[in-house]
C-alpha cells in the first residue's frame, strides 16, 4: 500500500512538472508576440514611455499573463498614480548583456524614454567570465540614460556574489538610481510622479 502511494505521488509530481514545463514553453512563444503588439500601439501625446530590456523575467514568462510580470505591474502603477497612459516597449528576448547591446538597444530610441527597466541574470547563469561581464556591462550602462534607468539587482542564485558585486559597483558609478535591495529609487522624475526616494541627488 505504501509503495502504491509513493508511486502515485511520484506520478503526480512528474505530471505537475511536465504541465508547468509545457506552459512555460507555450508562454515563451506567445508572450513575446504580446509585447511586440504593445510596441506597435499608438503613443498618446501625454504617455509615459517605458522601455524594458533583457531576460525572461522582463517578458514575464513565468506569469499567467504578460501584464502580471513586473513590467506590467509597474506600468499599471504609474498609470494609477499619474492618470497618464503608459506606452510599453518591451524588447527583451532573454539574452545576456551582450545581447542587449547588439540586438535590443537598436530596436528603441532611449532618448525618448521616460523610464528604462533592465533585469538580466543570464550572464550569471551562463557563467560569463567576470572580466567580460564587466566590459559588457560598462558598455551597456554608458548607453542608458542615468537619470531614468532602474537596473534590477541579481536574483539569489548560486554564484550570485561576484556578479552582483560587479553590477553594484558599476551601477553606483553610472546611475543616479543604482541597484540594491533597499528599493532603488526614483523611476521617473517628472513633475507629477516620483516612486521612492532618490538614491543620490542635490539634497544628499
Protein backbone atom coordinates (compact mmCIF):
# COMPACT_ATOMS: atom_id res chain seq x y z
CA UNK A 1 0.00 0.00 0.00
CA UNK A 2 2.78 2.39 0.94
CA UNK A 3 4.58 1.55 -2.29
CA UNK A 4 1.45 2.33 -4.33
CA UNK A 5 1.04 5.67 -2.55
CA UNK A 6 4.69 6.53 -3.19
CA UNK A 7 4.41 5.64 -6.87
CA UNK A 8 1.19 7.65 -7.14
CA UNK A 9 2.85 10.69 -5.54
CA UNK A 10 5.81 10.46 -7.91
CA UNK A 11 3.49 10.27 -10.91
CA UNK A 12 1.59 13.34 -9.73
CA UNK A 13 4.82 15.28 -9.26
CA UNK A 14 6.04 14.28 -12.73
CA UNK A 15 2.72 15.32 -14.29
CA UNK A 16 2.79 18.64 -12.43
CA UNK A 17 6.33 19.41 -13.56
CA UNK A 18 5.56 18.38 -17.13
CA UNK A 19 2.47 20.60 -17.22
CA UNK A 20 4.46 23.58 -15.97
CA UNK A 21 7.25 22.97 -18.47
CA UNK A 22 4.67 22.85 -21.25
CA UNK A 23 3.03 26.06 -20.04
CA UNK A 24 6.37 27.83 -19.83
CA UNK A 25 7.30 26.69 -23.32
CA UNK A 26 3.98 27.96 -24.64
CA UNK A 27 4.37 31.32 -22.91
CA UNK A 28 7.89 31.70 -24.27
CA UNK A 29 6.30 31.60 -27.72
CA UNK A 30 3.19 33.71 -27.12
CA UNK A 31 4.37 36.37 -24.66
CA UNK A 32 6.98 37.94 -26.99
CA UNK A 33 4.24 38.36 -29.60
CA UNK A 34 2.12 40.14 -26.99
CA UNK A 35 4.91 42.61 -26.26
CA UNK A 36 5.56 43.14 -29.96
CA UNK A 37 1.91 44.08 -30.30
CA UNK A 38 2.16 46.53 -27.40
CA UNK A 39 5.13 48.23 -29.07
CA UNK A 40 3.10 48.95 -32.20
CA UNK A 41 0.25 50.62 -30.31
CA UNK A 42 -0.11 54.39 -30.95
CA UNK A 43 1.76 56.57 -28.46
CA UNK A 44 -0.53 59.11 -26.80
CA UNK A 45 0.81 62.65 -26.62
CA UNK A 46 0.81 62.53 -22.81
CA UNK A 47 2.05 58.95 -22.49
CA UNK A 48 4.82 57.85 -20.15
CA UNK A 49 7.25 55.93 -22.37
CA UNK A 50 8.56 52.78 -20.68
CA UNK A 51 11.32 50.69 -22.25
CA UNK A 52 12.15 47.24 -20.84
CA UNK A 53 15.32 45.29 -21.63
CA UNK A 54 16.57 41.75 -21.36
CA UNK A 55 15.77 38.45 -19.71
CA UNK A 56 12.70 36.20 -19.40
CA UNK A 57 11.58 37.86 -16.16
CA UNK A 58 11.13 41.07 -18.18
CA UNK A 59 8.98 39.12 -20.63
CA UNK A 60 7.01 37.70 -17.64
CA UNK A 61 7.43 34.14 -18.95
CA UNK A 62 6.66 32.64 -15.52
CA UNK A 63 3.47 34.67 -15.03
CA UNK A 64 -0.07 33.74 -16.03
CA UNK A 65 -0.47 36.85 -18.21
CA UNK A 66 2.22 39.12 -19.70
CA UNK A 67 0.97 42.10 -17.70
CA UNK A 68 1.29 40.10 -14.45
CA UNK A 69 5.08 40.41 -14.65
CA UNK A 70 6.91 43.30 -13.02
CA UNK A 71 6.98 45.39 -16.21
CA UNK A 72 3.19 45.28 -16.48
CA UNK A 73 2.72 45.93 -12.77
CA UNK A 74 5.00 48.96 -12.84
CA UNK A 75 3.15 50.30 -15.88
CA UNK A 76 -0.21 49.87 -14.15
CA UNK A 77 1.14 51.52 -11.00
CA UNK A 78 2.36 54.55 -12.95
CA UNK A 79 -0.99 54.83 -14.75
CA UNK A 80 -2.84 54.70 -11.42
CA UNK A 81 -0.59 57.34 -9.83
CA UNK A 82 -0.43 59.77 -12.74
CA UNK A 83 -3.64 59.22 -14.66
CA UNK A 84 -1.48 59.06 -17.78
CA UNK A 85 -1.26 56.15 -20.22
CA UNK A 86 1.96 54.14 -20.33
CA UNK A 87 3.37 53.02 -23.65
CA UNK A 88 5.47 49.88 -23.17
CA UNK A 89 8.33 48.98 -25.50
CA UNK A 90 9.45 45.61 -24.13
CA UNK A 91 12.26 44.50 -26.42
CA UNK A 92 13.64 41.79 -24.13
CA UNK A 93 14.48 38.40 -25.63
CA UNK A 94 16.14 36.50 -22.82
CA UNK A 95 19.73 37.14 -23.84
CA UNK A 96 22.87 38.18 -22.00
CA UNK A 97 24.19 41.73 -21.54
CA UNK A 98 25.96 41.42 -24.87
CA UNK A 99 22.62 40.60 -26.49
CA UNK A 100 21.05 43.75 -25.02
CA UNK A 101 23.82 45.83 -26.59
CA UNK A 102 23.77 44.29 -30.04
CA UNK A 103 20.15 43.16 -30.51
CA UNK A 104 17.87 45.04 -28.11
CA UNK A 105 19.19 48.59 -27.91
CA UNK A 106 18.94 49.17 -31.69
CA UNK A 107 15.20 48.48 -31.53
CA UNK A 108 14.30 51.51 -29.40
CA UNK A 109 15.31 55.16 -29.04
CA UNK A 110 16.16 55.53 -25.36
CA UNK A 111 16.40 59.31 -25.65
CA UNK A 112 12.60 59.38 -25.87
CA UNK A 113 12.08 57.06 -22.88
CA UNK A 114 10.79 58.35 -19.55
CA UNK A 115 11.74 55.11 -17.79
CA UNK A 116 14.09 52.26 -18.69
CA UNK A 117 13.87 48.95 -16.83
CA UNK A 118 16.69 46.41 -17.07
CA UNK A 119 16.88 42.94 -15.50
CA UNK A 120 19.43 40.36 -16.55
CA UNK A 121 20.64 37.25 -14.74
CA UNK A 122 21.72 35.32 -17.83
CA UNK A 123 25.40 36.29 -17.64
CA UNK A 124 25.48 34.87 -14.13
CA UNK A 125 23.63 31.68 -15.09
CA UNK A 126 25.82 31.17 -18.16
CA UNK A 127 28.94 31.87 -16.06
CA UNK A 128 30.19 34.52 -18.46
CA UNK A 129 33.76 35.38 -17.34
CA UNK A 130 33.69 38.29 -14.90
CA UNK A 131 36.06 40.41 -16.99
CA UNK A 132 33.77 40.01 -19.99
CA UNK A 133 30.70 40.71 -17.85
CA UNK A 134 32.28 43.90 -16.54
CA UNK A 135 33.23 45.04 -20.05
CA UNK A 136 29.76 44.33 -21.47
CA UNK A 137 28.01 45.90 -18.50
CA UNK A 138 30.17 49.03 -18.75
CA UNK A 139 29.32 49.41 -22.44
CA UNK A 140 25.61 48.91 -21.76
CA UNK A 141 25.46 51.37 -18.88
CA UNK A 142 27.17 54.01 -21.00
CA UNK A 143 24.23 53.72 -23.41
CA UNK A 144 21.49 54.01 -20.75
CA UNK A 145 20.03 57.32 -19.50
CA UNK A 146 21.45 57.60 -15.98
CA UNK A 147 18.56 59.57 -14.50
CA UNK A 148 15.79 57.39 -15.96
CA UNK A 149 17.09 53.82 -15.59
CA UNK A 150 16.21 51.23 -12.97
CA UNK A 151 18.61 48.29 -13.15
CA UNK A 152 17.48 45.29 -11.12
CA UNK A 153 19.96 43.56 -8.88
CA UNK A 154 20.51 39.84 -9.46
CA UNK A 155 18.27 37.06 -8.12
CA UNK A 156 19.62 34.97 -5.26
CA UNK A 157 21.01 32.08 -7.27
CA UNK A 158 24.19 30.05 -6.66
CA UNK A 159 27.25 32.02 -7.75
CA UNK A 160 25.50 35.40 -7.40
CA UNK A 161 28.09 37.13 -5.23
CA UNK A 162 30.86 38.08 -7.70
CA UNK A 163 28.39 39.12 -10.43
CA UNK A 164 26.28 41.20 -8.04
CA UNK A 165 29.44 42.92 -6.78
CA UNK A 166 30.39 43.94 -10.35
CA UNK A 167 26.85 45.12 -11.08
CA UNK A 168 26.61 47.10 -7.85
CA UNK A 169 29.98 48.79 -8.33
CA UNK A 170 29.28 49.86 -11.90
CA UNK A 171 25.71 50.96 -11.20
CA UNK A 172 26.84 53.11 -8.29
CA UNK A 173 29.21 54.87 -10.66
CA UNK A 174 26.88 55.31 -13.60
CA UNK A 175 23.35 55.82 -12.28
CA UNK A 176 21.55 58.38 -10.17
CA UNK A 177 19.39 55.45 -9.05
CA UNK A 178 21.69 52.43 -8.76
CA UNK A 179 20.64 48.96 -7.63
CA UNK A 180 20.12 47.05 -4.43
CA UNK A 181 17.60 45.50 -2.05
CA UNK A 182 16.89 48.87 -0.43
CA UNK A 183 14.46 49.52 -3.30
CA UNK A 184 16.39 51.78 -5.60
CA UNK A 185 14.61 54.65 -6.09
CA UNK A 186 13.24 57.17 -8.47
CA UNK A 187 11.77 55.56 -11.56
CA UNK A 188 10.53 58.67 -13.22
CA UNK A 189 11.50 62.20 -12.27
CA UNK A 190 8.60 64.03 -13.90
CA UNK A 191 6.65 66.69 -12.00
CA UNK A 192 3.67 64.51 -11.09
CA UNK A 193 5.12 61.10 -10.27
CA UNK A 194 8.01 60.05 -8.09
CA UNK A 195 8.36 56.45 -6.85
CA UNK A 196 10.52 56.03 -3.78
CA UNK A 197 13.48 58.10 -2.56
CA UNK A 198 16.30 59.15 -4.84
CA UNK A 199 19.48 57.34 -4.07
CA UNK A 200 21.76 60.28 -4.72
CA UNK A 201 20.96 63.83 -5.63
CA UNK A 202 21.32 67.52 -4.79
CA UNK A 203 19.87 67.01 -1.33
CA UNK A 204 22.44 64.35 -0.36
